[in-house]
Amino acid sequence: MSSFGLRGDDQGPTERLEFRPHWFAFSKGAATWILIFATFGFLGVFVSDNPGAFEIWMTVAPWACLILGGGLVLVLLSAWMRWRFSVLTLYWDRIEYRIGFIRVRLMTVPLREIANMEIAQGAMQRILGFGDLVIDMRGASLLRVMDVVSVKQVMAQIRSNRDTLLAGDRL
């Protein structure tokens, strides 16, 4: 999402770009639950030496499926909530990172205070084009924004805005 315009006080443009995390980053929990479910089924039917293992499995399976299915639904709901309520917003003079639904954290970084930025990507993140943006601020701690889509373009946009802002300070 983005919106464009000028501030009423002529202090600069109000261009705003919003970025959400990549959906794949939140599917890790669901994959874990699916693996647990598959392992439970494999161990329950195929590994047992008991000749009545299939009958025992058929009595336990509905409850196990209900419990594991409920866990999968909770994991997917939690992942969707984290995705929905995690937003990186880039303004012309600052970055805001808002995360959380019940306990909301808002971190604001003025572009003038950025000392260094780096990208951290694993193999799957590189393939899918997302990664973590690590922002080092002067005299403060690091801000790590997790799973940013098109992270290289986001970093280039932040650098461009910062360079424009600092060039205006030198005039």
Protein backbone atom coordinates (compact mmCIF):
# COMPACT_ATOMS: atom_id res chain seq x y z
CA MET A 1 0.00 0.00 0.00
CA SER A 2 1.18 3.49 -0.60
CA SER A 3 -0.17 7.01 -0.55
CA PHE A 4 1.31 10.14 -1.98
CA GLY A 5 0.93 13.83 -1.34
CA LEU A 6 2.55 16.84 0.29
CA ARG A 7 2.42 17.85 3.91
CA GLY A 8 0.45 20.94 4.70
CA ASP A 9 3.42 22.53 6.48
CA ASP A 10 5.79 22.07 3.48
CA GLN A 11 8.27 20.02 5.52
CA GLY A 12 8.48 17.36 2.87
CA PRO A 13 6.43 14.81 0.98
CA THR A 14 4.13 12.45 2.84
CA GLU A 15 4.93 9.48 0.64
CA ARG A 16 4.24 6.34 2.61
CA LEU A 17 5.14 2.81 1.59
CA GLU A 18 3.91 -0.16 3.62
CA PHE A 19 5.45 -3.63 3.57
CA ARG A 20 4.14 -6.81 5.17
CA PRO A 21 6.12 -9.98 5.89
CA HIS A 22 6.25 -12.77 3.33
CA TRP A 23 3.50 -15.35 3.84
CA PHE A 24 5.96 -18.23 3.63
CA ALA A 25 7.69 -17.13 6.82
CA PHE A 26 4.60 -17.97 8.84
CA SER A 27 4.02 -21.41 7.31
CA LYS A 28 6.81 -22.98 9.38
CA GLY A 29 4.47 -23.72 12.28
CA ALA A 30 1.90 -25.36 10.01
CA ALA A 31 4.60 -27.53 8.42
CA THR A 32 5.67 -28.66 11.89
CA TRP A 33 2.13 -29.71 12.78
CA ILE A 34 1.73 -31.60 9.50
CA LEU A 35 4.98 -33.47 10.15
CA ILE A 36 3.82 -34.36 13.67
CA PHE A 37 0.52 -35.63 12.27
CA ALA A 38 2.25 -37.72 9.59
CA THR A 39 4.72 -39.15 12.10
CA PHE A 40 1.93 -40.04 14.53
CA GLY A 41 0.04 -41.86 11.78
CA PHE A 42 3.14 -43.68 10.53
CA LEU A 43 4.15 -44.82 14.00
CA GLY A 44 0.62 -45.82 14.93
CA VAL A 45 -0.01 -48.10 11.97
CA PHE A 46 3.15 -49.20 10.24
CA VAL A 47 5.77 -49.55 12.96
CA SER A 48 3.89 -51.52 15.56
CA ASP A 49 4.49 -55.27 15.89
CA ASN A 50 1.11 -55.70 17.55
CA PRO A 51 -1.29 -57.56 15.21
CA GLY A 52 -4.18 -55.49 16.54
CA ALA A 53 -2.40 -52.18 15.91
CA PHE A 54 -4.80 -51.20 13.14
CA GLU A 55 -7.86 -51.66 15.37
CA ILE A 56 -6.22 -49.70 18.17
CA TRP A 57 -5.28 -46.98 15.69
CA MET A 58 -8.87 -46.78 14.44
CA THR A 59 -10.16 -46.15 17.98
CA VAL A 60 -7.50 -43.53 18.76
CA ALA A 61 -7.33 -41.88 15.32
CA PRO A 62 -10.50 -39.74 15.51
CA TRP A 63 -9.37 -38.13 18.77
CA ALA A 64 -5.80 -37.74 17.57
CA CYS A 65 -7.02 -36.15 14.33
CA LEU A 66 -9.24 -33.78 16.29
CA ILE A 67 -6.44 -32.70 18.61
CA LEU A 68 -3.82 -32.36 15.86
CA GLY A 69 -6.30 -30.67 13.52
CA GLY A 70 -7.22 -28.18 16.25
CA GLY A 71 -3.53 -27.50 16.82
CA LEU A 72 -3.05 -26.91 13.10
CA VAL A 73 -5.97 -24.46 13.03
CA LEU A 74 -4.52 -22.56 16.02
CA VAL A 75 -1.10 -22.41 14.39
CA LEU A 76 -2.57 -21.12 11.12
CA LEU A 77 -4.69 -18.52 12.95
CA SER A 78 -1.66 -17.38 14.93
CA ALA A 79 0.42 -17.14 11.74
CA TRP A 80 -2.28 -15.10 10.00
CA MET A 81 -2.54 -12.74 12.98
CA ARG A 82 1.24 -12.21 13.02
CA TRP A 83 1.21 -11.53 9.27
CA ARG A 84 -1.81 -9.22 9.44
CA PHE A 85 -0.50 -7.12 12.31
CA SER A 86 3.17 -6.77 11.28
CA VAL A 87 3.79 -3.70 9.12
CA LEU A 88 6.96 -1.88 8.09
CA THR A 89 6.10 1.67 6.99
CA LEU A 90 8.63 3.83 5.19
CA TYR A 91 8.06 7.58 5.34
CA TRP A 92 10.25 10.22 3.73
CA ASP A 93 12.08 10.92 7.01
CA ARG A 94 11.59 7.84 9.19
CA ILE A 95 10.80 4.12 9.38
CA GLU A 96 8.06 2.72 11.59
CA TYR A 97 7.80 -0.97 12.43
CA ARG A 98 4.53 -1.97 14.07
CA ILE A 99 4.05 -5.49 15.31
CA GLY A 100 1.44 -7.16 17.48
CA PHE A 101 -2.29 -7.40 18.02
CA ILE A 102 -2.91 -7.39 21.75
CA ARG A 103 0.52 -6.17 22.83
CA VAL A 104 1.39 -3.67 20.10
CA ARG A 105 4.99 -2.51 19.71
CA LEU A 106 5.78 0.51 17.57
CA MET A 107 9.43 1.21 16.81
CA THR A 108 10.36 4.43 15.02
CA VAL A 109 13.76 5.04 13.43
CA PRO A 110 14.60 8.48 12.00
CA LEU A 111 16.50 8.04 8.72
CA ARG A 112 19.17 10.48 9.96
CA GLU A 113 20.02 8.05 12.78
CA ILE A 114 20.71 5.03 10.56
CA ALA A 115 24.39 4.12 10.66
CA ASN A 116 24.27 0.87 8.70
CA MET A 117 21.84 -1.60 7.15
CA GLU A 118 22.32 -5.22 6.19
CA ILE A 119 20.25 -8.08 4.84
CA ALA A 120 20.18 -11.53 6.43
CA GLN A 121 18.83 -14.29 4.18
CA GLY A 122 18.75 -18.06 4.33
CA ALA A 123 18.67 -20.23 1.24
CA MET A 124 14.87 -20.43 1.05
CA GLN A 125 14.53 -16.71 1.71
CA ARG A 126 16.91 -15.95 -1.17
CA ILE A 127 14.94 -18.20 -3.53
CA LEU A 128 11.61 -16.59 -2.59
CA GLY A 129 12.99 -13.03 -2.53
CA PHE A 130 12.51 -12.05 1.09
CA GLY A 131 14.79 -11.66 4.09
CA ASP A 132 15.48 -9.92 7.37
CA LEU A 133 16.45 -6.25 7.32
CA VAL A 134 18.86 -5.34 10.12
CA ILE A 135 19.12 -1.61 10.84
CA ASP A 136 21.96 -0.30 13.01
CA MET A 137 21.22 3.07 14.59
CA ARG A 138 23.74 5.55 15.97
CA GLY A 139 23.94 5.22 19.73
CA ALA A 140 21.13 2.66 19.91
CA SER A 141 20.48 -1.01 19.47
CA LEU A 142 19.69 -2.91 16.29
CA LEU A 143 16.24 -3.09 14.76
CA ARG A 144 15.63 -6.43 13.04
CA VAL A 145 12.62 -6.46 10.74
CA MET A 146 11.79 -10.08 9.99
CA ASP A 147 10.78 -11.55 6.62
CA VAL A 148 10.53 -8.40 4.48
CA VAL A 149 9.29 -9.04 0.93
CA SER A 150 11.63 -7.62 -1.77
CA VAL A 151 14.12 -6.76 0.95
CA LYS A 152 16.76 -5.47 -1.48
CA GLN A 153 14.35 -2.95 -3.01
CA VAL A 154 13.20 -1.86 0.46
CA MET A 155 16.80 -1.28 1.53
CA ALA A 156 17.51 0.65 -1.69
CA GLN A 157 14.44 2.85 -1.06
CA ILE A 158 15.52 3.54 2.53
CA ARG A 159 19.03 4.47 1.35
CA SER A 160 17.60 6.72 -1.35
CA ASN A 161 15.34 8.52 1.12
CA ARG A 162 18.18 8.85 3.63
CA ASP A 163 20.58 10.22 1.02
CA THR A 164 17.98 12.74 -0.18
CA LEU A 165 17.29 13.80 3.40
CA LEU A 166 20.99 14.18 4.24
CA ALA A 167 21.68 16.06 0.98
CA GLY A 168 18.95 18.54 1.96
CA ASP A 169 20.67 19.04 5.34
CA ARG A 170 23.93 19.98 3.63
CA LEU A 171 22.34 22.76 1.56
